[in-house]
């Protein structure tokens, strides 16, 4: 028997409201779109340099398969599922499957330091957990050796080789999902200019992000797309040219800083030209300059950027973003 097993189990701490996935009607909303638009794209994700798509009917079938797999792994209404990693289809569908079984679902920052992760697992004691990368798997296994660990750790990627003597039960996401149709590979990104396309380049470090994404995706019935990695987000965003961005305030500031770094230095003639283009949007030349900047940013079709209310553009926020910011919370 290990030392930590002799310690009294701490009381499970209540989670902040924004960290928990709320709502019991999500599966009914998913079923609605699977019936109304079964063959329309519901989710898109870039993997290994290629875009893949999940139709609404595919998403519903995967959630049902995942719910069956989770049930076989002991997940029920008394369970807690922790999610940690970038937002992408596997994570969203797993969250919906767990909620359909009545389990509590919450997000954890994937960049927690080892001691912070150990303390978080001790406080919250998830019964099950999903982590995206093999690096995260090793970190969670190490943390679990020094305190309470999930009864099951689900790995989004291939299982890594664990240290000798590791006791953490592991399961690959593909094994939990079981036999299913492979997502459709899209050789070319094609959609009508009028088609709405949501976009996220966040992860579970955005505490309320999972709730925001699922609400906007399932309430609107619009397709939701994700980049391959955070490093490729700018390039992948240009591929997609989304109509709506679902961003946390910190990520919006990062995007603002990225835009600022691409603009000419303040006071230069090129910077003054950009500012003139913003100030005179109805003239022909400014309109052309503005369209070029929007294409470079992946903003060619952008209609809104989600932000929690109340929110106003900060002085440091470039006008390219401030133009599209609006509160829809």
Protein backbone atom coordinates (compact mmCIF):
# COMPACT_ATOMS: atom_id res chain seq x y z
CA UNK A 1 0.00 0.00 0.00
CA UNK A 2 1.43 3.40 -0.94
CA UNK A 3 1.77 6.29 1.50
CA UNK A 4 -0.92 8.44 -0.07
CA UNK A 5 -3.46 5.66 0.27
CA UNK A 6 -3.11 5.88 4.07
CA UNK A 7 -4.08 9.55 4.08
CA UNK A 8 -7.74 10.43 4.68
CA UNK A 9 -9.50 11.38 1.47
CA UNK A 10 -10.25 15.10 1.32
CA UNK A 11 -13.76 16.34 0.71
CA UNK A 12 -14.46 16.96 -2.94
CA UNK A 13 -14.43 20.68 -3.60
CA UNK A 14 -17.27 22.39 -5.40
CA UNK A 15 -16.28 23.80 -8.77
CA UNK A 16 -16.79 27.42 -9.82
CA UNK A 17 -19.90 27.77 -11.96
CA UNK A 18 -17.92 28.93 -15.00
CA UNK A 19 -15.70 25.83 -14.85
CA UNK A 20 -18.60 23.37 -15.06
CA UNK A 21 -20.37 22.44 -18.26
CA UNK A 22 -23.98 23.49 -17.77
CA UNK A 23 -27.20 22.50 -19.49
CA UNK A 24 -28.97 19.18 -19.94
CA UNK A 25 -30.55 19.94 -23.34
CA UNK A 26 -27.32 19.81 -25.34
CA UNK A 27 -27.89 16.25 -26.58
CA UNK A 28 -31.43 17.14 -27.66
CA UNK A 29 -30.04 20.08 -29.63
CA UNK A 30 -27.50 17.79 -31.27
CA UNK A 31 -30.26 15.33 -32.17
CA UNK A 32 -32.28 18.19 -33.66
CA UNK A 33 -29.49 19.18 -36.06
CA UNK A 34 -28.74 15.53 -36.87
CA UNK A 35 -32.37 15.20 -37.99
CA UNK A 36 -32.74 18.60 -39.66
CA UNK A 37 -29.33 18.72 -41.40
CA UNK A 38 -27.82 15.23 -41.15
CA UNK A 39 -25.32 15.63 -44.01
CA UNK A 40 -24.26 19.24 -43.33
CA UNK A 41 -20.87 19.84 -41.76
CA UNK A 42 -21.01 20.24 -37.98
CA UNK A 43 -17.32 20.25 -37.07
CA UNK A 44 -14.06 20.79 -38.92
CA UNK A 45 -10.53 20.17 -37.66
CA UNK A 46 -7.12 20.25 -39.31
CA UNK A 47 -5.06 17.15 -38.55
CA UNK A 48 -1.65 16.25 -39.96
CA UNK A 49 -1.92 19.04 -42.51
CA UNK A 50 -5.38 18.08 -43.83
CA UNK A 51 -8.88 19.30 -43.04
CA UNK A 52 -11.44 16.78 -41.80
CA UNK A 53 -15.19 17.22 -41.36
CA UNK A 54 -17.85 15.66 -39.12
CA UNK A 55 -21.44 15.83 -40.36
CA UNK A 56 -24.20 16.37 -37.81
CA UNK A 57 -25.24 12.73 -38.05
CA UNK A 58 -21.59 11.67 -37.53
CA UNK A 59 -21.33 13.86 -34.43
CA UNK A 60 -24.48 12.36 -32.92
CA UNK A 61 -23.35 8.79 -33.60
CA UNK A 62 -19.94 9.47 -32.04
CA UNK A 63 -21.54 10.95 -28.92
CA UNK A 64 -23.76 7.88 -28.57
CA UNK A 65 -20.76 5.54 -29.00
CA UNK A 66 -18.73 7.54 -26.49
CA UNK A 67 -21.58 7.50 -23.98
CA UNK A 68 -21.75 3.72 -24.27
CA UNK A 69 -17.98 3.46 -23.81
CA UNK A 70 -18.00 5.77 -20.78
CA UNK A 71 -20.85 3.82 -19.24
CA UNK A 72 -18.82 0.63 -19.57
CA UNK A 73 -15.93 2.42 -17.85
CA UNK A 74 -18.05 3.21 -14.81
CA UNK A 75 -19.02 6.81 -15.55
CA UNK A 76 -22.40 7.76 -14.09
CA UNK A 77 -24.24 10.60 -12.34
CA UNK A 78 -21.79 10.54 -9.43
CA UNK A 79 -18.76 10.85 -11.71
CA UNK A 80 -16.57 13.85 -12.51
CA UNK A 81 -14.88 14.12 -15.90
CA UNK A 82 -11.95 16.53 -16.21
CA UNK A 83 -10.99 17.76 -19.68
CA UNK A 84 -7.56 19.20 -20.44
CA UNK A 85 -6.18 20.20 -23.82
CA UNK A 86 -7.00 22.22 -26.92
CA UNK A 87 -10.62 22.49 -27.96
CA UNK A 88 -11.26 20.12 -30.86
CA UNK A 89 -14.00 17.67 -31.95
CA UNK A 90 -12.96 14.70 -29.76
CA UNK A 91 -13.02 16.82 -26.60
CA UNK A 92 -16.39 18.43 -27.40
CA UNK A 93 -18.07 15.15 -28.28
CA UNK A 94 -16.69 13.45 -25.16
CA UNK A 95 -18.03 16.30 -23.02
CA UNK A 96 -21.50 15.88 -24.55
CA UNK A 97 -21.38 12.12 -24.01
CA UNK A 98 -20.48 12.51 -20.33
CA UNK A 99 -23.20 15.13 -19.77
CA UNK A 100 -25.75 12.83 -21.41
CA UNK A 101 -24.97 10.32 -18.62
CA UNK A 102 -25.43 12.97 -15.94
CA UNK A 103 -21.75 13.28 -15.00
CA UNK A 104 -20.16 16.57 -13.95
CA UNK A 105 -17.81 17.90 -16.65
CA UNK A 106 -15.20 20.60 -16.15
CA UNK A 107 -12.07 22.04 -17.76
CA UNK A 108 -8.51 22.19 -16.43
CA UNK A 109 -5.62 24.28 -17.75
CA UNK A 110 -3.33 21.99 -19.81
CA UNK A 111 -0.28 24.05 -18.79
CA UNK A 112 -0.54 23.52 -15.02
CA UNK A 113 2.83 23.08 -13.36
CA UNK A 114 3.41 19.64 -11.75
CA UNK A 115 2.75 20.79 -8.17
CA UNK A 116 -0.31 22.84 -9.21
CA UNK A 117 -1.67 19.82 -11.10
CA UNK A 118 -1.13 17.56 -8.09
CA UNK A 119 -2.93 20.00 -5.78
CA UNK A 120 -5.78 20.44 -8.28
CA UNK A 121 -6.32 16.67 -8.53
CA UNK A 122 -6.27 16.47 -4.72
CA UNK A 123 -8.92 19.21 -4.44
CA UNK A 124 -11.26 18.23 -7.27
CA UNK A 125 -10.73 14.45 -7.46
CA UNK A 126 -12.06 13.72 -10.96
CA UNK A 127 -13.18 10.14 -11.39
CA UNK A 128 -12.29 10.21 -15.10
CA UNK A 129 -10.10 12.51 -17.17
CA UNK A 130 -9.31 13.25 -20.82
CA UNK A 131 -5.95 14.76 -21.76
CA UNK A 132 -4.84 15.55 -25.28
CA UNK A 133 -1.11 14.90 -25.56
CA UNK A 134 1.27 12.18 -24.49
CA UNK A 135 3.22 14.81 -22.54
CA UNK A 136 0.08 15.52 -20.52
CA UNK A 137 -0.48 11.81 -19.90
CA UNK A 138 2.97 11.49 -18.34
CA UNK A 139 2.40 14.61 -16.22
CA UNK A 140 -0.95 13.31 -14.94
CA UNK A 141 0.48 9.88 -14.20
CA UNK A 142 3.32 11.47 -12.22
CA UNK A 143 0.87 13.68 -10.29
CA UNK A 144 -1.33 10.68 -9.52
CA UNK A 145 1.58 8.82 -7.94
CA UNK A 146 1.69 11.49 -5.22
CA UNK A 147 -2.02 11.84 -4.52
CA UNK A 148 -5.53 10.95 -5.73
CA UNK A 149 -5.67 9.96 -9.38
CA UNK A 150 -8.61 9.44 -11.76
CA UNK A 151 -9.93 5.91 -11.99
CA UNK A 152 -9.40 6.20 -15.74
CA UNK A 153 -7.23 8.50 -17.84
CA UNK A 154 -8.31 8.83 -21.49
CA UNK A 155 -5.57 9.85 -23.92
CA UNK A 156 -6.39 11.80 -27.07
CA UNK A 157 -3.18 10.68 -28.80
CA UNK A 158 -1.35 7.36 -28.90
CA UNK A 159 -0.52 6.00 -25.46
CA UNK A 160 3.02 6.73 -24.30
CA UNK A 161 5.34 4.25 -22.58
CA UNK A 162 4.72 4.68 -18.86
CA UNK A 163 7.39 4.52 -16.14
CA UNK A 164 7.90 1.11 -14.57
CA UNK A 165 5.42 0.53 -11.75
CA UNK A 166 2.90 3.16 -12.88
CA UNK A 167 -0.58 2.26 -11.64
CA UNK A 168 -2.74 4.72 -13.60
CA UNK A 169 -5.31 2.93 -15.81
CA UNK A 170 -5.08 4.33 -19.36
CA UNK A 171 -7.37 4.11 -22.38
CA UNK A 172 -6.88 5.59 -25.85
CA UNK A 173 -9.74 7.77 -27.09
CA UNK A 174 -10.01 5.63 -30.24
CA UNK A 175 -10.59 2.54 -28.08
CA UNK A 176 -13.25 4.34 -26.07
CA UNK A 177 -15.03 5.43 -29.27
CA UNK A 178 -14.85 1.97 -30.81
CA UNK A 179 -15.52 1.21 -34.50
CA UNK A 180 -16.83 4.29 -36.29
CA UNK A 181 -16.69 6.03 -39.62
CA UNK A 182 -13.50 8.01 -40.22
CA UNK A 183 -14.12 11.78 -40.45
CA UNK A 184 -14.32 12.92 -44.06
CA UNK A 185 -11.13 14.42 -45.41
CA UNK A 186 -11.71 17.70 -47.27
CA UNK A 187 -9.30 18.14 -50.16
CA UNK A 188 -10.53 21.69 -50.75
CA UNK A 189 -12.20 24.10 -48.39
CA UNK A 190 -15.37 25.07 -50.17
CA UNK A 191 -18.47 26.71 -48.77
CA UNK A 192 -20.86 29.37 -50.05
CA UNK A 193 -20.02 32.93 -49.06
CA UNK A 194 -23.30 33.08 -47.13
CA UNK A 195 -22.53 29.98 -45.02
CA UNK A 196 -21.86 30.77 -41.36
CA UNK A 197 -18.64 29.31 -39.97
CA UNK A 198 -17.64 29.56 -36.30
CA UNK A 199 -13.98 29.40 -35.30
CA UNK A 200 -12.11 28.65 -32.07
CA UNK A 201 -8.37 28.59 -31.40
CA UNK A 202 -8.57 28.11 -27.64
CA UNK A 203 -8.08 25.36 -25.09
CA UNK A 204 -9.30 24.38 -21.66
CA UNK A 205 -7.20 27.14 -20.06
CA UNK A 206 -10.25 29.25 -20.99
CA UNK A 207 -12.38 28.20 -18.03
CA UNK A 208 -15.75 29.13 -19.51
CA UNK A 209 -14.77 28.28 -23.07
CA UNK A 210 -16.36 24.84 -23.31
CA UNK A 211 -19.73 26.24 -22.30
CA UNK A 212 -19.40 29.15 -24.74
CA UNK A 213 -18.44 26.91 -27.66
CA UNK A 214 -21.18 24.35 -27.11
CA UNK A 215 -23.87 26.99 -26.63
CA UNK A 216 -23.01 28.90 -29.81
CA UNK A 217 -22.43 25.76 -31.86
CA UNK A 218 -25.59 23.91 -30.83
CA UNK A 219 -27.89 26.93 -30.57
CA UNK A 220 -26.94 28.24 -34.02
CA UNK A 221 -26.47 24.99 -35.94
CA UNK A 222 -23.42 26.52 -37.64
CA UNK A 223 -20.28 24.53 -38.33
CA UNK A 224 -17.44 24.99 -35.82
CA UNK A 225 -13.81 24.73 -36.95
CA UNK A 226 -10.49 24.35 -35.11
CA UNK A 227 -6.85 24.82 -36.17
CA UNK A 228 -4.32 22.01 -36.10
CA UNK A 229 -2.28 23.69 -33.35
CA UNK A 230 -2.14 27.07 -31.64
CA UNK A 231 1.05 27.79 -33.61
CA UNK A 232 -0.75 27.27 -36.94
CA UNK A 233 -3.91 29.16 -35.90
CA UNK A 234 -3.23 32.25 -38.05
CA UNK A 235 -2.57 30.23 -41.20
CA UNK A 236 -5.47 27.88 -40.62
CA UNK A 237 -7.80 30.81 -39.93
CA UNK A 238 -7.02 32.16 -43.39
CA UNK A 239 -8.05 28.79 -44.87
CA UNK A 240 -11.39 28.96 -43.10
CA UNK A 241 -12.23 32.69 -43.31
CA UNK A 242 -14.76 32.31 -40.46
CA UNK A 243 -17.83 34.46 -39.98
CA UNK A 244 -17.58 34.36 -36.17
CA UNK A 245 -14.69 34.06 -33.71
CA UNK A 246 -15.21 32.56 -30.25
CA UNK A 247 -12.28 34.00 -28.27
CA UNK A 248 -11.46 34.61 -24.64
CA UNK A 249 -10.30 38.13 -23.66
CA UNK A 250 -6.64 37.00 -23.30
CA UNK A 251 -6.69 35.34 -26.72
CA UNK A 252 -8.26 38.43 -28.26
CA UNK A 253 -5.42 40.50 -26.84
CA UNK A 254 -2.89 38.05 -28.31
CA UNK A 255 -4.59 38.47 -31.67
CA UNK A 256 -4.45 42.24 -31.25
CA UNK A 257 -0.73 42.04 -30.48
CA UNK A 258 -0.21 39.83 -33.53
CA UNK A 259 -1.93 42.40 -35.75
CA UNK A 260 0.06 45.23 -34.19
CA UNK A 261 3.31 43.39 -34.93
CA UNK A 262 2.35 43.07 -38.59
CA UNK A 263 1.53 46.75 -39.05
CA UNK A 264 4.11 49.33 -40.04
CA UNK A 265 5.79 51.24 -37.17
CA UNK A 266 3.77 54.13 -35.69
CA UNK A 267 4.52 57.40 -37.46
CA UNK A 268 5.66 55.78 -40.72
CA UNK A 269 3.92 56.64 -43.98
CA UNK A 270 2.63 53.06 -44.31
CA UNK A 271 1.13 53.20 -40.82
CA UNK A 272 -0.52 56.54 -41.60
CA UNK A 273 -1.88 54.96 -44.77
CA UNK A 274 -3.42 52.13 -42.73
CA UNK A 275 -4.97 54.59 -40.29
CA UNK A 276 -6.33 56.65 -43.18
CA UNK A 277 -7.85 53.49 -44.68
CA UNK A 278 -9.69 52.78 -41.42
CA UNK A 279 -10.89 56.37 -41.13
CA UNK A 280 -12.24 56.49 -44.70
CA UNK A 281 -13.76 53.04 -45.31
CA UNK A 282 -16.06 54.15 -48.14
CA UNK A 283 -13.34 55.35 -50.50
CA UNK A 284 -12.05 52.98 -53.16
CA UNK A 285 -8.35 52.79 -52.19
CA UNK A 286 -8.96 52.44 -48.43
CA UNK A 287 -11.54 49.76 -49.16
CA UNK A 288 -8.97 47.77 -51.19
CA UNK A 289 -6.32 48.13 -48.49
CA UNK A 290 -8.78 47.10 -45.83
CA UNK A 291 -9.89 44.02 -47.76
CA UNK A 292 -6.27 42.94 -48.15
CA UNK A 293 -5.60 43.25 -44.41
CA UNK A 294 -8.77 41.33 -43.64
CA UNK A 295 -7.74 38.48 -45.95
CA UNK A 296 -4.29 38.29 -44.35
CA UNK A 297 -5.91 38.02 -40.92
CA UNK A 298 -8.53 35.49 -41.99
CA UNK A 299 -11.20 38.17 -41.48
CA UNK A 300 -12.52 38.22 -45.06
CA UNK A 301 -16.02 37.04 -44.02
CA UNK A 302 -15.91 38.00 -40.33
CA UNK A 303 -19.16 39.32 -38.87
CA UNK A 304 -18.53 39.18 -35.11
CA UNK A 305 -16.03 38.34 -32.39
CA UNK A 306 -17.65 36.97 -29.25
CA UNK A 307 -16.73 38.66 -25.99
CA UNK A 308 -18.35 38.49 -22.56
CA UNK A 309 -20.53 41.47 -21.67
CA UNK A 310 -19.83 44.17 -20.74
CA UNK A 311 -16.82 44.66 -22.97
CA UNK A 312 -15.48 47.71 -24.75
CA UNK A 313 -12.52 48.09 -27.05
CA UNK A 314 -9.38 48.99 -25.12
CA UNK A 315 -7.10 51.77 -26.40
CA UNK A 316 -4.47 49.20 -27.38
CA UNK A 317 -6.93 47.18 -29.45
CA UNK A 318 -6.34 47.76 -33.18
CA UNK A 319 -9.28 49.14 -35.11
CA UNK A 320 -9.18 46.01 -37.29
CA UNK A 321 -10.52 44.09 -34.28
CA UNK A 322 -12.54 46.85 -32.63
CA UNK A 323 -14.60 47.10 -35.80
CA UNK A 324 -15.89 43.58 -35.32
CA UNK A 325 -16.11 43.32 -31.54
CA UNK A 326 -19.62 43.18 -30.23
CA UNK A 327 -21.26 41.68 -27.18
CA UNK A 328 -23.44 38.70 -27.79
CA UNK A 329 -23.18 37.13 -24.35
